[in-house]
C-alpha atoms as a PDB file:
ATOM      1  CA  UNK A   1     100.557 115.607  95.602  1.00  0.00           C
ATOM      2  CA  UNK A   2     104.114 116.978  95.902  1.00  0.00           C
ATOM      3  CA  UNK A   3     106.632 116.415  93.500  1.00  0.00           C
ATOM      4  CA  UNK A   4     108.641 113.321  93.589  1.00  0.00           C
ATOM      5  CA  UNK A   5     111.994 112.776  94.838  1.00  0.00           C
ATOM      6  CA  UNK A   6     114.862 113.373  92.767  1.00  0.00           C
ATOM      7  CA  UNK A   7     116.193 110.218  91.178  1.00  0.00           C
ATOM      8  CA  UNK A   8     119.158 108.351  92.902  1.00  0.00           C
ATOM      9  CA  UNK A   9     122.384 107.264  91.157  1.00  0.00           C
ATOM     10  CA  UNK A  10     120.975 103.785  91.097  1.00  0.00           C
ATOM     11  CA  UNK A  11     117.965 104.753  89.362  1.00  0.00           C
ATOM     12  CA  UNK A  12     119.825 106.860  86.721  1.00  0.00           C
ATOM     13  CA  UNK A  13     122.256 104.120  85.984  1.00  0.00           C
ATOM     14  CA  UNK A  14     119.252 101.615  85.554  1.00  0.00           C
ATOM     15  CA  UNK A  15     117.696 104.034  83.320  1.00  0.00           C
ATOM     16  CA  UNK A  16     120.447 104.489  81.156  1.00  0.00           C
ATOM     17  CA  UNK A  17     121.079 100.714  80.624  1.00  0.00           C
ATOM     18  CA  UNK A  18     117.413 100.679  79.641  1.00  0.00           C
ATOM     19  CA  UNK A  19     117.646 103.006  77.241  1.00  0.00           C
ATOM     20  CA  UNK A  20     120.475 101.486  75.471  1.00  0.00           C
ATOM     21  CA  UNK A  21     118.483  98.258  75.515  1.00  0.00           C
ATOM     22  CA  UNK A  22     115.251  99.923  74.117  1.00  0.00           C
ATOM     23  CA  UNK A  23     117.337 101.542  71.525  1.00  0.00           C
ATOM     24  CA  UNK A  24     118.479  98.119  70.314  1.00  0.00           C
ATOM     25  CA  UNK A  25     114.930  96.954  70.430  1.00  0.00           C
ATOM     26  CA  UNK A  26     113.861  99.761  68.008  1.00  0.00           C
ATOM     27  CA  UNK A  27     116.504  99.245  65.699  1.00  0.00           C
ATOM     28  CA  UNK A  28     115.702  95.454  65.535  1.00  0.00           C
ATOM     29  CA  UNK A  29     111.894  96.524  64.601  1.00  0.00           C
ATOM     30  CA  UNK A  30     113.395  99.070  61.992  1.00  0.00           C
ATOM     31  CA  UNK A  31     114.877  96.569  60.012  1.00  0.00           C
ATOM     32  CA  UNK A  32     111.531  94.920  59.053  1.00  0.00           C
ATOM     33  CA  UNK A  33     108.957  97.927  59.632  1.00  0.00           C
ATOM     34  CA  UNK A  34     109.492 101.049  57.670  1.00  0.00           C
ATOM     35  CA  UNK A  35     107.992 104.475  57.969  1.00  0.00           C
ATOM     36  CA  UNK A  36     106.055 103.674  61.298  1.00  0.00           C
ATOM     37  CA  UNK A  37     108.539 104.906  63.954  1.00  0.00           C
ATOM     38  CA  UNK A  38     106.074 106.804  65.950  1.00  0.00           C
ATOM     39  CA  UNK A  39     103.616 103.748  65.650  1.00  0.00           C
ATOM     40  CA  UNK A  40     106.315 101.665  66.821  1.00  0.00           C
ATOM     41  CA  UNK A  41     107.013 103.821  69.988  1.00  0.00           C
ATOM     42  CA  UNK A  42     103.618 104.007  71.079  1.00  0.00           C
ATOM     43  CA  UNK A  43     103.334 100.296  70.757  1.00  0.00           C
ATOM     44  CA  UNK A  44     106.407  99.821  72.907  1.00  0.00           C
ATOM     45  CA  UNK A  45     105.298 102.649  75.317  1.00  0.00           C
ATOM     46  CA  UNK A  46     101.942 100.702  75.903  1.00  0.00           C
ATOM     47  CA  UNK A  47     103.994  97.405  76.482  1.00  0.00           C
ATOM     48  CA  UNK A  48     106.534  99.281  78.811  1.00  0.00           C
ATOM     49  CA  UNK A  49     103.594 100.705  80.803  1.00  0.00           C
ATOM     50  CA  UNK A  50     101.733  97.252  81.136  1.00  0.00           C
ATOM     51  CA  UNK A  51      98.898  97.796  78.912  1.00  0.00           C
ATOM     52  CA  UNK A  52      97.327  96.823  75.700  1.00  0.00           C
ATOM     53  CA  UNK A  53      97.131  98.454  72.241  1.00  0.00           C
ATOM     54  CA  UNK A  54      94.305  98.899  69.587  1.00  0.00           C
ATOM     55  CA  UNK A  55      95.893  99.157  66.070  1.00  0.00           C
ATOM     56  CA  UNK A  56      93.266 100.737  63.753  1.00  0.00           C
ATOM     57  CA  UNK A  57      94.378 101.151  60.004  1.00  0.00           C
ATOM     58  CA  UNK A  58      93.257 100.044  56.527  1.00  0.00           C
ATOM     59  CA  UNK A  59      94.047  96.679  55.182  1.00  0.00           C
ATOM     60  CA  UNK A  60      97.655  95.724  53.972  1.00  0.00           C
ATOM     61  CA  UNK A  61      99.350  98.575  56.375  1.00  0.00           C
ATOM     62  CA  UNK A  62     101.701  95.968  58.031  1.00  0.00           C
ATOM     63  CA  UNK A  63      99.595  95.546  61.198  1.00  0.00           C
ATOM     64  CA  UNK A  64     100.165  92.019  61.473  1.00  0.00           C
ATOM     65  CA  UNK A  65     103.556  92.371  60.558  1.00  0.00           C
ATOM     66  CA  UNK A  66     104.476  94.887  63.143  1.00  0.00           C
ATOM     67  CA  UNK A  67     102.884  92.601  66.093  1.00  0.00           C
ATOM     68  CA  UNK A  68     105.141  89.775  64.751  1.00  0.00           C
ATOM     69  CA  UNK A  69     108.059  92.041  64.562  1.00  0.00           C
ATOM     70  CA  UNK A  70     107.612  93.361  68.102  1.00  0.00           C
ATOM     71  CA  UNK A  71     107.260  89.737  69.558  1.00  0.00           C
ATOM     72  CA  UNK A  72     110.654  88.731  68.019  1.00  0.00           C
ATOM     73  CA  UNK A  73     112.679  91.951  69.242  1.00  0.00           C
ATOM     74  CA  UNK A  74     111.064  91.718  72.477  1.00  0.00           C
ATOM     75  CA  UNK A  75     111.803  87.966  72.881  1.00  0.00           C
ATOM     76  CA  UNK A  76     108.289  86.761  74.277  1.00  0.00           C
ATOM     77  CA  UNK A  77     106.193  84.197  72.912  1.00  0.00           C
ATOM     78  CA  UNK A  78     103.081  85.174  70.516  1.00  0.00           C
ATOM     79  CA  UNK A  79     100.098  83.834  69.139  1.00  0.00           C
ATOM     80  CA  UNK A  80      97.194  84.844  66.725  1.00  0.00           C
ATOM     81  CA  UNK A  81      93.639  84.753  66.780  1.00  0.00           C
ATOM     82  CA  UNK A  82      91.732  85.653  63.641  1.00  0.00           C
ATOM     83  CA  UNK A  83      88.465  87.067  64.822  1.00  0.00           C
ATOM     84  CA  UNK A  84      85.392  85.936  63.067  1.00  0.00           C
ATOM     85  CA  UNK A  85      81.583  86.107  63.741  1.00  0.00           C
ATOM     86  CA  UNK A  86      81.380  82.327  64.813  1.00  0.00           C
ATOM     87  CA  UNK A  87      84.192  82.478  67.333  1.00  0.00           C
ATOM     88  CA  UNK A  88      83.173  81.441  70.671  1.00  0.00           C
ATOM     89  CA  UNK A  89      84.874  82.318  74.024  1.00  0.00           C
ATOM     90  CA  UNK A  90      86.111  78.430  74.398  1.00  0.00           C
ATOM     91  CA  UNK A  91      88.326  79.080  71.182  1.00  0.00           C
ATOM     92  CA  UNK A  92      89.977  81.842  72.765  1.00  0.00           C
ATOM     93  CA  UNK A  93      90.137  80.895  76.460  1.00  0.00           C
ATOM     94  CA  UNK A  94      90.294  76.952  76.232  1.00  0.00           C
ATOM     95  CA  UNK A  95      87.930  74.426  77.597  1.00  0.00           C
ATOM     96  CA  UNK A  96      88.042  70.896  79.611  1.00  0.00           C
ATOM     97  CA  UNK A  97      87.630  67.870  77.850  1.00  0.00           C
ATOM     98  CA  UNK A  98      86.951  64.599  79.200  1.00  0.00           C
ATOM     99  CA  UNK A  99      89.626  61.904  79.329  1.00  0.00           C
ATOM    100  CA  UNK A 100      89.361  58.337  80.319  1.00  0.00           C
ATOM    101  CA  UNK A 101      92.667  56.781  81.953  1.00  0.00           C
ATOM    102  CA  UNK A 102      93.841  53.386  81.314  1.00  0.00           C
ATOM    103  CA  UNK A 103      92.424  51.965  84.122  1.00  0.00           C
ATOM    104  CA  UNK A 104      88.787  53.071  82.827  1.00  0.00           C
ATOM    105  CA  UNK A 105      88.492  56.131  85.156  1.00  0.00           C
ATOM    106  CA  UNK A 106      87.090  59.560  83.563  1.00  0.00           C
ATOM    107  CA  UNK A 107      88.237  62.994  84.668  1.00  0.00           C
ATOM    108  CA  UNK A 108      88.245  66.460  82.954  1.00  0.00           C
ATOM    109  CA  UNK A 109      91.547  68.218  81.902  1.00  0.00           C
ATOM    110  CA  UNK A 110      91.851  71.679  80.832  1.00  0.00           C
ATOM    111  CA  UNK A 111      92.991  72.324  77.423  1.00  0.00           C
ATOM    112  CA  UNK A 112      94.551  76.336  77.507  1.00  0.00           C
ATOM    113  CA  UNK A 113      93.149  78.298  74.537  1.00  0.00           C
ATOM    114  CA  UNK A 114      95.733  80.720  72.519  1.00  0.00           C
ATOM    115  CA  UNK A 115      95.087  83.416  75.088  1.00  0.00           C
ATOM    116  CA  UNK A 116      98.022  81.576  77.123  1.00  0.00           C
ATOM    117  CA  UNK A 117     100.857  83.483  75.857  1.00  0.00           C
ATOM    118  CA  UNK A 118     102.647  86.823  76.586  1.00  0.00           C
ATOM    119  CA  UNK A 119     101.874  88.880  73.424  1.00  0.00           C
ATOM    120  CA  UNK A 120      98.525  87.884  71.642  1.00  0.00           C
ATOM    121  CA  UNK A 121      97.583  89.510  68.402  1.00  0.00           C
ATOM    122  CA  UNK A 122      93.827  89.608  68.168  1.00  0.00           C
ATOM    123  CA  UNK A 123      93.202  90.313  64.527  1.00  0.00           C
ATOM    124  CA  UNK A 124      89.955  92.243  63.340  1.00  0.00           C
ATOM    125  CA  UNK A 125      88.789  92.115  67.082  1.00  0.00           C
ATOM    126  CA  UNK A 126      85.413  93.675  65.954  1.00  0.00           C
ATOM    127  CA  UNK A 127      84.362  90.670  64.011  1.00  0.00           C
ATOM    128  CA  UNK A 128      83.631  88.483  66.683  1.00  0.00           C
ATOM    129  CA  UNK A 129      80.367  88.549  68.720  1.00  0.00           C
ATOM    130  CA  UNK A 130      79.905  90.558  71.952  1.00  0.00           C
ATOM    131  CA  UNK A 131      80.174  87.478  73.947  1.00  0.00           C
ATOM    132  CA  UNK A 132      83.506  86.783  72.576  1.00  0.00           C
ATOM    133  CA  UNK A 133      85.014  90.129  73.025  1.00  0.00           C
ATOM    134  CA  UNK A 134      83.882  90.285  76.606  1.00  0.00           C
ATOM    135  CA  UNK A 135      85.538  86.906  77.047  1.00  0.00           C
ATOM    136  CA  UNK A 136      89.090  88.337  75.784  1.00  0.00           C
ATOM    137  CA  UNK A 137      88.501  91.834  77.404  1.00  0.00           C
ATOM    138  CA  UNK A 138      87.838  90.290  80.866  1.00  0.00           C
ATOM    139  CA  UNK A 139      90.879  88.383  80.850  1.00  0.00           C
ATOM    140  CA  UNK A 140      92.880  91.483  79.560  1.00  0.00           C
ATOM    141  CA  UNK A 141      91.558  93.341  82.499  1.00  0.00           C
ATOM    142  CA  UNK A 142      92.046  90.690  85.475  1.00  0.00           C
ATOM    143  CA  UNK A 143      95.091  88.774  84.225  1.00  0.00           C
ATOM    144  CA  UNK A 144      93.277  85.435  84.406  1.00  0.00           C
ATOM    145  CA  UNK A 145      90.614  83.303  83.289  1.00  0.00           C
ATOM    146  CA  UNK A 146      87.964  81.094  85.014  1.00  0.00           C
ATOM    147  CA  UNK A 147      86.806  77.920  83.578  1.00  0.00           C
ATOM    148  CA  UNK A 148      84.381  75.457  85.104  1.00  0.00           C
ATOM    149  CA  UNK A 149      84.954  77.360  88.313  1.00  0.00           C
ATOM    150  CA  UNK A 150      88.817  77.240  88.234  1.00  0.00           C
ATOM    151  CA  UNK A 151      91.027  80.028  88.146  1.00  0.00           C
ATOM    152  CA  UNK A 152      93.797  79.851  85.357  1.00  0.00           C
ATOM    153  CA  UNK A 153      96.503  82.595  85.499  1.00  0.00           C
ATOM    154  CA  UNK A 154      97.823  84.175  82.350  1.00  0.00           C
ATOM    155  CA  UNK A 155     101.699  84.318  81.944  1.00  0.00           C
ATOM    156  CA  UNK A 156     103.279  87.567  82.799  1.00  0.00           C
ATOM    157  CA  UNK A 157     103.667  89.909  81.101  1.00  0.00           C
ATOM    158  CA  UNK A 158     100.542  89.716  79.167  1.00  0.00           C
ATOM    159  CA  UNK A 159      99.915  91.942  76.449  1.00  0.00           C
ATOM    160  CA  UNK A 160      97.075  92.255  73.776  1.00  0.00           C
ATOM    161  CA  UNK A 161      97.915  93.859  70.378  1.00  0.00           C
ATOM    162  CA  UNK A 162      94.091  94.062  68.676  1.00  0.00           C
ATOM    163  CA  UNK A 163      93.662  95.335  64.918  1.00  0.00           C
ATOM    164  CA  UNK A 164      90.698  96.763  63.766  1.00  0.00           C
ATOM    165  CA  UNK A 165      89.625  97.624  60.362  1.00  0.00           C
ATOM    166  CA  UNK A 166      87.915 101.203  60.095  1.00  0.00           C
ATOM    167  CA  UNK A 167      86.708 100.901  56.654  1.00  0.00           C
ATOM    168  CA  UNK A 168      84.700  97.870  56.400  1.00  0.00           C
ATOM    169  CA  UNK A 169      82.126  97.798  59.028  1.00  0.00           C
ATOM    170  CA  UNK A 170      79.424  94.953  57.258  1.00  0.00           C
ATOM    171  CA  UNK A 171      79.042  91.907  59.838  1.00  0.00           C
ATOM    172  CA  UNK A 172      81.125  93.895  62.624  1.00  0.00           C
ATOM    173  CA  UNK A 173      80.256  94.478  66.282  1.00  0.00           C
ATOM    174  CA  UNK A 174      81.921  97.711  67.315  1.00  0.00           C
ATOM    175  CA  UNK A 175      83.691  97.423  70.539  1.00  0.00           C
ATOM    176  CA  UNK A 176      81.583  99.176  73.346  1.00  0.00           C
ATOM    177  CA  UNK A 177      82.943 101.904  75.070  1.00  0.00           C
ATOM    178  CA  UNK A 178      83.684 100.424  78.462  1.00  0.00           C
ATOM    179  CA  UNK A 179      85.751  97.790  76.485  1.00  0.00           C
ATOM    180  CA  UNK A 180      87.603 100.279  74.538  1.00  0.00           C
ATOM    181  CA  UNK A 181      88.656 101.831  77.693  1.00  0.00           C
ATOM    182  CA  UNK A 182      90.415  98.474  78.517  1.00  0.00           C
ATOM    183  CA  UNK A 183      93.269  99.406  75.948  1.00  0.00           C
ATOM    184  CA  UNK A 184      95.937 101.647  77.260  1.00  0.00           C
ATOM    185  CA  UNK A 185      96.588 103.200  73.597  1.00  0.00           C
ATOM    186  CA  UNK A 186      94.978 103.443  70.462  1.00  0.00           C
ATOM    187  CA  UNK A 187      97.431 103.379  67.279  1.00  0.00           C
ATOM    188  CA  UNK A 188      96.191 104.834  64.096  1.00  0.00           C
ATOM    189  CA  UNK A 189      98.413 103.204  61.395  1.00  0.00           C
ATOM    190  CA  UNK A 190      98.717 105.476  58.233  1.00  0.00           C
ATOM    191  CA  UNK A 191      99.443 104.943  54.674  1.00  0.00           C
ATOM    192  CA  UNK A 192     103.086 104.960  54.195  1.00  0.00           C
ATOM    193  CA  UNK A 193     105.243 108.031  52.733  1.00  0.00           C
ATOM    194  CA  UNK A 194     106.456 107.771  49.604  1.00  0.00           C
ATOM    195  CA  UNK A 195     109.894 107.293  50.793  1.00  0.00           C
ATOM    196  CA  UNK A 196     108.886 104.624  53.149  1.00  0.00           C
ATOM    197  CA  UNK A 197     106.902 102.984  50.546  1.00  0.00           C
ATOM    198  CA  UNK A 198     109.931 102.864  48.299  1.00  0.00           C
ATOM    199  CA  UNK A 199     111.901 101.183  51.054  1.00  0.00           C
ATOM    200  CA  UNK A 200     109.197  98.804  51.417  1.00  0.00           C
ATOM    201  CA  UNK A 201     109.173  98.031  47.675  1.00  0.00           C
ATOM    202  CA  UNK A 202     112.608  97.392  47.424  1.00  0.00           C
ATOM    203  CA  UNK A 203     112.963  95.159  50.729  1.00  0.00           C
ATOM    204  CA  UNK A 204     110.059  93.058  50.142  1.00  0.00           C
ATOM    205  CA  UNK A 205     110.116  92.025  46.621  1.00  0.00           C
ATOM    206  CA  UNK A 206     113.882  90.849  46.476  1.00  0.00           C
ATOM    207  CA  UNK A 207     115.268  87.493  46.939  1.00  0.00           C
ATOM    208  CA  UNK A 208     116.128  87.964  50.526  1.00  0.00           C
ATOM    209  CA  UNK A 209     113.956  89.643  53.068  1.00  0.00           C
ATOM    210  CA  UNK A 210     115.186  91.521  56.504  1.00  0.00           C
ATOM    211  CA  UNK A 211     114.557  89.888  59.743  1.00  0.00           C
ATOM    212  CA  UNK A 212     114.247  91.441  63.188  1.00  0.00           C
ATOM    213  CA  UNK A 213     116.507  89.760  66.014  1.00  0.00           C
ATOM    214  CA  UNK A 214     115.502  89.169  69.545  1.00  0.00           C
ATOM    215  CA  UNK A 215     116.857  91.633  72.283  1.00  0.00           C
ATOM    216  CA  UNK A 216     114.941  91.326  75.285  1.00  0.00           C
ATOM    217  CA  UNK A 217     113.116  88.602  76.926  1.00  0.00           C
ATOM    218  CA  UNK A 218     109.935  88.170  79.532  1.00  0.00           C
ATOM    219  CA  UNK A 219     111.993  88.589  82.525  1.00  0.00           C
ATOM    220  CA  UNK A 220     113.597  91.978  81.456  1.00  0.00           C
ATOM    221  CA  UNK A 221     110.225  93.423  80.106  1.00  0.00           C
ATOM    222  CA  UNK A 222     109.026  92.926  83.829  1.00  0.00           C
ATOM    223  CA  UNK A 223     111.885  94.609  84.889  1.00  0.00           C
ATOM    224  CA  UNK A 224     111.452  97.523  82.526  1.00  0.00           C
ATOM    225  CA  UNK A 225     107.835  97.797  83.569  1.00  0.00           C
ATOM    226  CA  UNK A 226     108.895  98.030  87.249  1.00  0.00           C
ATOM    227  CA  UNK A 227     111.453 100.815  86.283  1.00  0.00           C
ATOM    228  CA  UNK A 228     108.910 102.836  84.323  1.00  0.00           C
ATOM    229  CA  UNK A 229     106.431 103.020  87.399  1.00  0.00           C
ATOM    230  CA  UNK A 230     109.582 104.172  89.769  1.00  0.00           C
ATOM    231  CA  UNK A 231     110.658 107.181  87.365  1.00  0.00           C
ATOM    232  CA  UNK A 232     109.744 110.629  88.919  1.00  0.00           C
ATOM    233  CA  UNK A 233     106.678 112.572  87.412  1.00  0.00           C
ATOM    234  CA  UNK A 234     107.153 116.460  88.116  1.00  0.00           C
ATOM    235  CA  UNK A 235     104.173 118.507  89.474  1.00  0.00           C
ATOM    236  CA  UNK A 236     103.834 120.350  86.319  1.00  0.00           C
ATOM    237  CA  UNK A 237     103.362 116.980  84.233  1.00  0.00           C
ATOM    238  CA  UNK A 238     100.787 115.744  86.931  1.00  0.00           C
ATOM    239  CA  UNK A 239      98.839 119.104  86.620  1.00  0.00           C
ATOM    240  CA  UNK A 240      98.928 118.884  82.811  1.00  0.00           C
ATOM    241  CA  UNK A 241      97.263 115.510  82.881  1.00  0.00           C
ATOM    242  CA  UNK A 242      94.752 116.712  85.726  1.00  0.00           C
ATOM    243  CA  UNK A 243      93.869 119.912  83.219  1.00  0.00           C
ATOM    244  CA  UNK A 244      93.589 117.759  80.048  1.00  0.00           C
ATOM    245  CA  UNK A 245      91.161 115.484  81.613  1.00  0.00           C
ATOM    246  CA  UNK A 246      88.568 118.328  83.063  1.00  0.00           C
ATOM    247  CA  UNK A 247      89.051 119.954  79.872  1.00  0.00           C
ATOM    248  CA  UNK A 248      87.879 116.913  78.011  1.00  0.00           C
ATOM    249  CA  UNK A 249      84.780 116.158  80.181  1.00  0.00           C
ATOM    250  CA  UNK A 250      81.796 117.787  79.118  1.00  0.00           C
ATOM    251  CA  UNK A 251      80.385 118.495  82.426  1.00  0.00           C
ATOM    252  CA  UNK A 252      83.607 120.053  83.709  1.00  0.00           C
ATOM    253  CA  UNK A 253      85.107 121.744  80.525  1.00  0.00           C
ATOM    254  CA  UNK A 254      85.017 125.321  79.792  1.00  0.00           C
ATOM    255  CA  UNK A 255      85.741 124.914  76.308  1.00  0.00           C
ATOM    256  CA  UNK A 256      82.521 125.160  74.376  1.00  0.00           C
ATOM    257  CA  UNK A 257      83.252 122.694  71.875  1.00  0.00           C
ATOM    258  CA  UNK A 258      83.701 120.030  74.733  1.00  0.00           C
ATOM    259  CA  UNK A 259      80.643 121.472  76.608  1.00  0.00           C
ATOM    260  CA  UNK A 260      78.433 121.170  73.600  1.00  0.00           C
ATOM    261  CA  UNK A 261      80.102 118.731  71.161  1.00  0.00           C
ATOM    262  CA  UNK A 262      81.373 115.987  73.134  1.00  0.00           C
ATOM    263  CA  UNK A 263      78.756 113.164  74.492  1.00  0.00           C
ATOM    264  CA  UNK A 264      81.161 111.604  77.043  1.00  0.00           C
ATOM    265  CA  UNK A 265      84.599 112.028  78.197  1.00  0.00           C
ATOM    266  CA  UNK A 266      87.465 110.143  79.431  1.00  0.00           C
ATOM    267  CA  UNK A 267      87.341 108.705  83.068  1.00  0.00           C
ATOM    268  CA  UNK A 268      90.205 108.089  85.441  1.00  0.00           C
ATOM    269  CA  UNK A 269      91.661 105.297  83.861  1.00  0.00           C
ATOM    270  CA  UNK A 270      92.693 107.730  81.092  1.00  0.00           C
ATOM    271  CA  UNK A 271      94.812 109.508  83.623  1.00  0.00           C
ATOM    272  CA  UNK A 272      96.520 106.323  84.814  1.00  0.00           C
ATOM    273  CA  UNK A 273      97.219 105.357  81.194  1.00  0.00           C
ATOM    274  CA  UNK A 274      98.853 108.959  80.621  1.00  0.00           C
ATOM    275  CA  UNK A 275     100.795 108.741  84.013  1.00  0.00           C
ATOM    276  CA  UNK A 276     102.517 105.524  83.073  1.00  0.00           C
ATOM    277  CA  UNK A 277     102.835 106.498  79.219  1.00  0.00           C
ATOM    278  CA  UNK A 278     104.560 109.437  79.474  1.00  0.00           C
ATOM    279  CA  UNK A 279     107.252 107.982  81.695  1.00  0.00           C
ATOM    280  CA  UNK A 280     107.691 105.085  79.163  1.00  0.00           C
ATOM    281  CA  UNK A 281     107.933 107.589  76.424  1.00  0.00           C
ATOM    282  CA  UNK A 282     110.514 109.482  78.083  1.00  0.00           C
ATOM    283  CA  UNK A 283     112.724 106.288  78.746  1.00  0.00           C
ATOM    284  CA  UNK A 284     112.145 105.399  74.990  1.00  0.00           C
ATOM    285  CA  UNK A 285     113.572 108.716  74.074  1.00  0.00           C
ATOM    286  CA  UNK A 286     116.486 108.466  76.584  1.00  0.00           C
ATOM    287  CA  UNK A 287     115.114 110.934  79.082  1.00  0.00           C
ATOM    288  CA  UNK A 288     114.703 110.167  82.836  1.00  0.00           C
ATOM    289  CA  UNK A 289     111.361 112.141  83.483  1.00  0.00           C
ATOM    290  CA  UNK A 290     108.619 112.970  81.400  1.00  0.00           C
ATOM    291  CA  UNK A 291     107.600 116.584  80.219  1.00  0.00           C
ATOM    292  CA  UNK A 292     104.331 118.278  79.248  1.00  0.00           C
ATOM    293  CA  UNK A 293     105.338 117.885  75.449  1.00  0.00           C
ATOM    294  CA  UNK A 294     104.946 113.995  76.317  1.00  0.00           C
ATOM    295  CA  UNK A 295     101.298 114.748  77.603  1.00  0.00           C
ATOM    296  CA  UNK A 296     100.493 116.576  74.508  1.00  0.00           C
ATOM    297  CA  UNK A 297     101.892 114.012  72.137  1.00  0.00           C
ATOM    298  CA  UNK A 298     100.018 111.206  73.954  1.00  0.00           C
ATOM    299  CA  UNK A 299      96.952 112.803  74.273  1.00  0.00           C
ATOM    300  CA  UNK A 300      95.423 111.505  71.039  1.00  0.00           C
ATOM    301  CA  UNK A 301      96.241 107.824  71.510  1.00  0.00           C
ATOM    302  CA  UNK A 302      95.103 108.011  74.939  1.00  0.00           C
ATOM    303  CA  UNK A 303      92.079 110.058  74.474  1.00  0.00           C
ATOM    304  CA  UNK A 304      90.826 109.102  71.125  1.00  0.00           C
ATOM    305  CA  UNK A 305      89.014 105.723  72.021  1.00  0.00           C
ATOM    306  CA  UNK A 306      87.916 107.487  75.429  1.00  0.00           C
ATOM    307  CA  UNK A 307      85.642 110.338  73.995  1.00  0.00           C
ATOM    308  CA  UNK A 308      82.975 110.598  71.428  1.00  0.00           C
ATOM    309  CA  UNK A 309      81.717 113.480  69.397  1.00  0.00           C
ATOM    310  CA  UNK A 310      77.754 113.907  69.194  1.00  0.00           C
ATOM    311  CA  UNK A 311      76.262 113.954  65.926  1.00  0.00           C
ATOM    312  CA  UNK A 312      75.703 117.650  65.830  1.00  0.00           C
ATOM    313  CA  UNK A 313      79.379 118.244  66.426  1.00  0.00           C
ATOM    314  CA  UNK A 314      80.401 115.997  63.557  1.00  0.00           C
ATOM    315  CA  UNK A 315      77.948 117.692  61.380  1.00  0.00           C
ATOM    316  CA  UNK A 316      79.457 120.830  61.947  1.00  0.00           C
ATOM    317  CA  UNK A 317      82.662 119.575  60.576  1.00  0.00           C
ATOM    318  CA  UNK A 318      84.576 119.190  64.085  1.00  0.00           C
ATOM    319  CA  UNK A 319      86.669 116.145  64.526  1.00  0.00           C
ATOM    320  CA  UNK A 320      87.932 114.372  67.484  1.00  0.00           C
ATOM    321  CA  UNK A 321      91.601 114.620  66.310  1.00  0.00           C
ATOM    322  CA  UNK A 322      91.489 118.394  66.269  1.00  0.00           C
ATOM    323  CA  UNK A 323      89.710 118.867  69.308  1.00  0.00           C
ATOM    324  CA  UNK A 324      92.294 116.749  71.254  1.00  0.00           C
ATOM    325  CA  UNK A 325      95.078 118.718  69.801  1.00  0.00           C
ATOM    326  CA  UNK A 326      93.439 121.936  71.022  1.00  0.00           C
ATOM    327  CA  UNK A 327      92.788 120.769  74.376  1.00  0.00           C
ATOM    328  CA  UNK A 328      96.349 119.174  74.623  1.00  0.00           C
ATOM    329  CA  UNK A 329      98.128 122.525  73.524  1.00  0.00           C
ATOM    330  CA  UNK A 330      95.962 124.354  76.299  1.00  0.00           C
ATOM    331  CA  UNK A 331      96.876 121.726  79.066  1.00  0.00           C
ATOM    332  CA  UNK A 332     100.520 121.578  78.410  1.00  0.00           C
END
């Protein structure tokens, strides 16, 4: 593949305007969310790439608040599902109900479930049964649901921001690897720094609380997603992505820690995620084209849920984060 053509003046102007709009979105979110600038950028990166995000963090780290604030700033409707072991697929997708008209005739009418929104928060997704998880993840992949043989398309854009608690695993159903692959990025939400926590305490315990404002709408988001796909990707960036994927696969890598310590590596969907995400990250930072630094920065969010260390590697003290950083530095 050769390097894409140089961008024209129209594309440059469109990208400049988009950068200003996206800065306003980040400023709006920053009025409510403190100390999570990188995590906010990753969530917006996934949205601009047209993908879904898995948020992983301990309770009380503002994961739910983050999703709600992103929904307000981007101007798209949102719904929330609290996943529990007794949740059924119909509770998410919807179901048909039998109605009787005034003339005594009976017919079935489809009642849409909460999945029919543009931004769905799937809270503690690993608490639902595999059957319910599969129903949601199929809709994420295909963009529609089928009820009683009838197809019902989901609105566009459609994004899922799912949360997962890494601490409490009792009574949970870990997502299978094939379903984890449906998420474009995995975003780990850390504990706040001292300064960020200070700002949180002052902002949330007073008489008034800050609120975000709507900046975008659904139509603008679709245009931004189209713009991301039209941004140029240089040959060096493409080669960096290909190198990273091959370094991360046990059967292709020449890195001993990967060959001997990785159970399974990323598939082509990881490369697709990187190709889109590096463009989106560049646009969010006011750049027209991505660099190999974007590949390195996004390596962990893209690969962490698409790789697994063997038991022996974990016993030897290896971590997936450290291994991915080593591979990313080499590929860049």
